[in-house]
Amino acid sequence: MVLKREMEIEIGRDGKVSIKVKGVQGRECLEFSQFLEEALGETVEQELTSEYYQAPASTETTVQQTRQ
């Protein structure tokens, strides 16, 4: 299942930029928007949503060992 990852960007009349990340769980949401935060300058306020506290989507790998 492919997760839809979105970044909602709002620019206020005062020039304040708000970034909301959707569809990304755990610390990955901070990494997802990091490039934009660095380009815009200093982060004044940060509010973590419930998605931040969810476990990131994981992948499962099965390895079969064969004997010779």
N, C-alpha and C. Protein backbone atom coordinates (compact mmCIF):
# COMPACT_ATOMS: atom_id res chain seq x y z
N MET A 1 0.83 -1.17 0.00
CA MET A 1 0.00 0.00 0.00
C MET A 1 0.88 1.25 0.00
N VAL A 2 0.65 2.14 -0.93
CA VAL A 2 1.43 3.36 -1.03
C VAL A 2 0.72 4.46 -0.24
N LEU A 3 1.46 5.11 0.65
CA LEU A 3 0.89 6.19 1.45
C LEU A 3 1.05 7.51 0.72
N LYS A 4 0.03 8.33 0.79
CA LYS A 4 0.08 9.64 0.17
C LYS A 4 0.72 10.60 1.17
N ARG A 5 1.80 11.23 0.76
CA ARG A 5 2.52 12.18 1.61
C ARG A 5 2.27 13.58 1.07
N GLU A 6 1.82 14.47 1.94
CA GLU A 6 1.50 15.83 1.51
C GLU A 6 2.14 16.85 2.43
N MET A 7 2.37 18.03 1.86
CA MET A 7 2.87 19.16 2.63
C MET A 7 1.98 20.35 2.28
N GLU A 8 1.27 20.85 3.28
CA GLU A 8 0.39 21.99 3.08
C GLU A 8 1.13 23.24 3.56
N ILE A 9 1.27 24.22 2.67
CA ILE A 9 2.03 25.43 2.98
C ILE A 9 1.10 26.63 2.91
N GLU A 10 1.08 27.41 3.98
CA GLU A 10 0.23 28.60 4.04
C GLU A 10 1.11 29.81 4.34
N ILE A 11 0.95 30.86 3.54
CA ILE A 11 1.71 32.09 3.75
C ILE A 11 0.72 33.17 4.15
N GLY A 12 0.89 33.70 5.38
CA GLY A 12 0.00 34.73 5.90
C GLY A 12 0.32 36.10 5.33
N ARG A 13 -0.59 37.04 5.54
CA ARG A 13 -0.37 38.41 5.07
C ARG A 13 0.86 39.05 5.70
N ASP A 14 1.17 38.59 6.91
CA ASP A 14 2.33 39.13 7.61
C ASP A 14 3.64 38.46 7.19
N GLY A 15 3.56 37.49 6.25
CA GLY A 15 4.74 36.80 5.76
C GLY A 15 5.07 35.53 6.53
N LYS A 16 4.31 35.26 7.58
CA LYS A 16 4.54 34.05 8.37
C LYS A 16 4.14 32.82 7.55
N VAL A 17 5.03 31.84 7.52
CA VAL A 17 4.80 30.62 6.75
C VAL A 17 4.47 29.48 7.70
N SER A 18 3.41 28.76 7.38
CA SER A 18 2.98 27.61 8.17
C SER A 18 3.07 26.37 7.28
N ILE A 19 3.69 25.32 7.80
CA ILE A 19 3.84 24.07 7.06
C ILE A 19 3.15 22.96 7.84
N LYS A 20 2.26 22.24 7.19
CA LYS A 20 1.61 21.10 7.83
C LYS A 20 1.88 19.87 6.98
N VAL A 21 2.46 18.85 7.60
CA VAL A 21 2.80 17.60 6.91
C VAL A 21 1.71 16.58 7.19
N LYS A 22 1.24 15.90 6.15
CA LYS A 22 0.20 14.88 6.28
C LYS A 22 0.67 13.58 5.64
N GLY A 23 0.30 12.47 6.27
CA GLY A 23 0.61 11.17 5.69
C GLY A 23 2.01 10.65 5.98
N VAL A 24 2.69 11.28 6.95
CA VAL A 24 4.04 10.85 7.32
C VAL A 24 4.06 10.67 8.84
N GLN A 25 4.43 9.49 9.30
CA GLN A 25 4.41 9.21 10.73
C GLN A 25 5.80 9.27 11.34
N GLY A 26 5.82 9.49 12.65
CA GLY A 26 7.07 9.47 13.41
C GLY A 26 8.00 10.61 13.05
N ARG A 27 9.26 10.45 13.38
CA ARG A 27 10.27 11.48 13.13
C ARG A 27 10.44 11.79 11.65
N GLU A 28 10.00 10.88 10.81
CA GLU A 28 10.13 11.09 9.37
C GLU A 28 9.41 12.36 8.92
N CYS A 29 8.36 12.76 9.65
CA CYS A 29 7.64 13.98 9.25
C CYS A 29 8.53 15.20 9.41
N LEU A 30 9.41 15.21 10.40
CA LEU A 30 10.34 16.32 10.58
C LEU A 30 11.37 16.34 9.47
N GLU A 31 11.82 15.17 9.09
CA GLU A 31 12.81 15.05 8.00
C GLU A 31 12.18 15.43 6.66
N PHE A 32 10.89 15.12 6.49
CA PHE A 32 10.17 15.38 5.24
C PHE A 32 10.12 16.88 4.94
N SER A 33 9.97 17.71 5.96
CA SER A 33 9.84 19.16 5.75
C SER A 33 11.13 19.94 6.06
N GLN A 34 12.16 19.26 6.49
CA GLN A 34 13.40 19.91 6.92
C GLN A 34 14.01 20.82 5.85
N PHE A 35 14.04 20.36 4.60
CA PHE A 35 14.66 21.16 3.54
C PHE A 35 13.96 22.51 3.39
N LEU A 36 12.65 22.51 3.53
CA LEU A 36 11.89 23.75 3.37
C LEU A 36 12.08 24.66 4.58
N GLU A 37 12.08 24.09 5.76
CA GLU A 37 12.30 24.87 6.97
C GLU A 37 13.67 25.55 6.93
N GLU A 38 14.68 24.83 6.48
CA GLU A 38 16.03 25.41 6.39
C GLU A 38 16.08 26.53 5.36
N ALA A 39 15.37 26.36 4.26
CA ALA A 39 15.37 27.38 3.21
C ALA A 39 14.64 28.65 3.65
N LEU A 40 13.62 28.49 4.48
CA LEU A 40 12.82 29.64 4.91
C LEU A 40 13.44 30.41 6.08
N GLY A 41 14.28 29.75 6.84
CA GLY A 41 14.91 30.45 7.97
C GLY A 41 14.55 29.82 9.31
N GLU A 42 14.53 30.65 10.34
CA GLU A 42 14.34 30.20 11.71
C GLU A 42 12.93 29.67 11.96
N THR A 43 12.84 28.51 12.64
CA THR A 43 11.55 27.97 13.05
C THR A 43 11.17 28.64 14.36
N VAL A 44 10.03 29.31 14.37
CA VAL A 44 9.58 30.06 15.54
C VAL A 44 8.76 29.18 16.47
N GLU A 45 7.94 28.33 15.89
CA GLU A 45 7.04 27.48 16.68
C GLU A 45 6.86 26.16 15.97
N GLN A 46 6.73 25.09 16.76
CA GLN A 46 6.52 23.77 16.17
C GLN A 46 5.49 23.03 17.00
N GLU A 47 4.47 22.51 16.33
CA GLU A 47 3.41 21.74 17.00
C GLU A 47 3.35 20.37 16.34
N LEU A 48 3.53 19.34 17.15
CA LEU A 48 3.52 17.98 16.63
C LEU A 48 2.09 17.44 16.64
N THR A 49 1.67 16.83 15.54
CA THR A 49 0.33 16.28 15.43
C THR A 49 0.31 14.83 15.92
N SER A 50 -0.86 14.23 15.94
CA SER A 50 -0.99 12.84 16.38
C SER A 50 -0.21 11.89 15.46
N GLU A 51 -0.06 12.25 14.19
CA GLU A 51 0.70 11.39 13.26
C GLU A 51 2.16 11.26 13.70
N TYR A 52 2.71 12.27 14.34
CA TYR A 52 4.09 12.21 14.80
C TYR A 52 4.27 11.06 15.80
N TYR A 53 3.26 10.84 16.61
CA TYR A 53 3.35 9.83 17.67
C TYR A 53 2.97 8.43 17.21
N GLN A 54 2.57 8.29 15.95
CA GLN A 54 2.27 6.98 15.40
C GLN A 54 3.55 6.32 14.93
N ALA A 55 3.54 5.01 14.97
CA ALA A 55 4.70 4.27 14.47
C ALA A 55 4.78 4.44 12.96
N PRO A 56 5.98 4.66 12.44
CA PRO A 56 6.13 4.78 10.98
C PRO A 56 5.69 3.50 10.29
N ALA A 57 5.21 3.64 9.07
CA ALA A 57 4.84 2.47 8.29
C ALA A 57 6.09 1.62 8.12
N SER A 58 5.96 0.36 8.35
CA SER A 58 7.14 -0.50 8.26
C SER A 58 7.01 -1.47 7.11
N THR A 59 8.12 -2.02 6.75
CA THR A 59 8.12 -3.04 5.72
C THR A 59 8.57 -4.34 6.36
N GLU A 60 8.12 -5.41 5.82
CA GLU A 60 8.47 -6.71 6.36
C GLU A 60 9.30 -7.45 5.33
N THR A 61 10.40 -7.99 5.79
CA THR A 61 11.29 -8.74 4.91
C THR A 61 11.41 -10.16 5.43
N THR A 62 11.23 -11.11 4.56
CA THR A 62 11.38 -12.51 4.93
C THR A 62 12.59 -13.08 4.22
N VAL A 63 13.45 -13.71 4.99
CA VAL A 63 14.65 -14.31 4.42
C VAL A 63 14.56 -15.81 4.64
N GLN A 64 14.75 -16.55 3.58
CA GLN A 64 14.70 -18.00 3.67
C GLN A 64 16.12 -18.53 3.56
N GLN A 65 16.48 -19.30 4.54
CA GLN A 65 17.83 -19.85 4.55
C GLN A 65 17.77 -21.26 3.95
N THR A 66 18.67 -21.51 3.02
CA THR A 66 18.74 -22.84 2.41
C THR A 66 20.03 -23.52 2.85
N ARG A 67 19.92 -24.79 3.06
CA ARG A 67 21.10 -25.56 3.46
C ARG A 67 21.62 -26.31 2.26
N GLN A 68 22.92 -26.40 2.20
CA GLN A 68 23.53 -27.11 1.07
C GLN A 68 24.14 -28.40 1.51
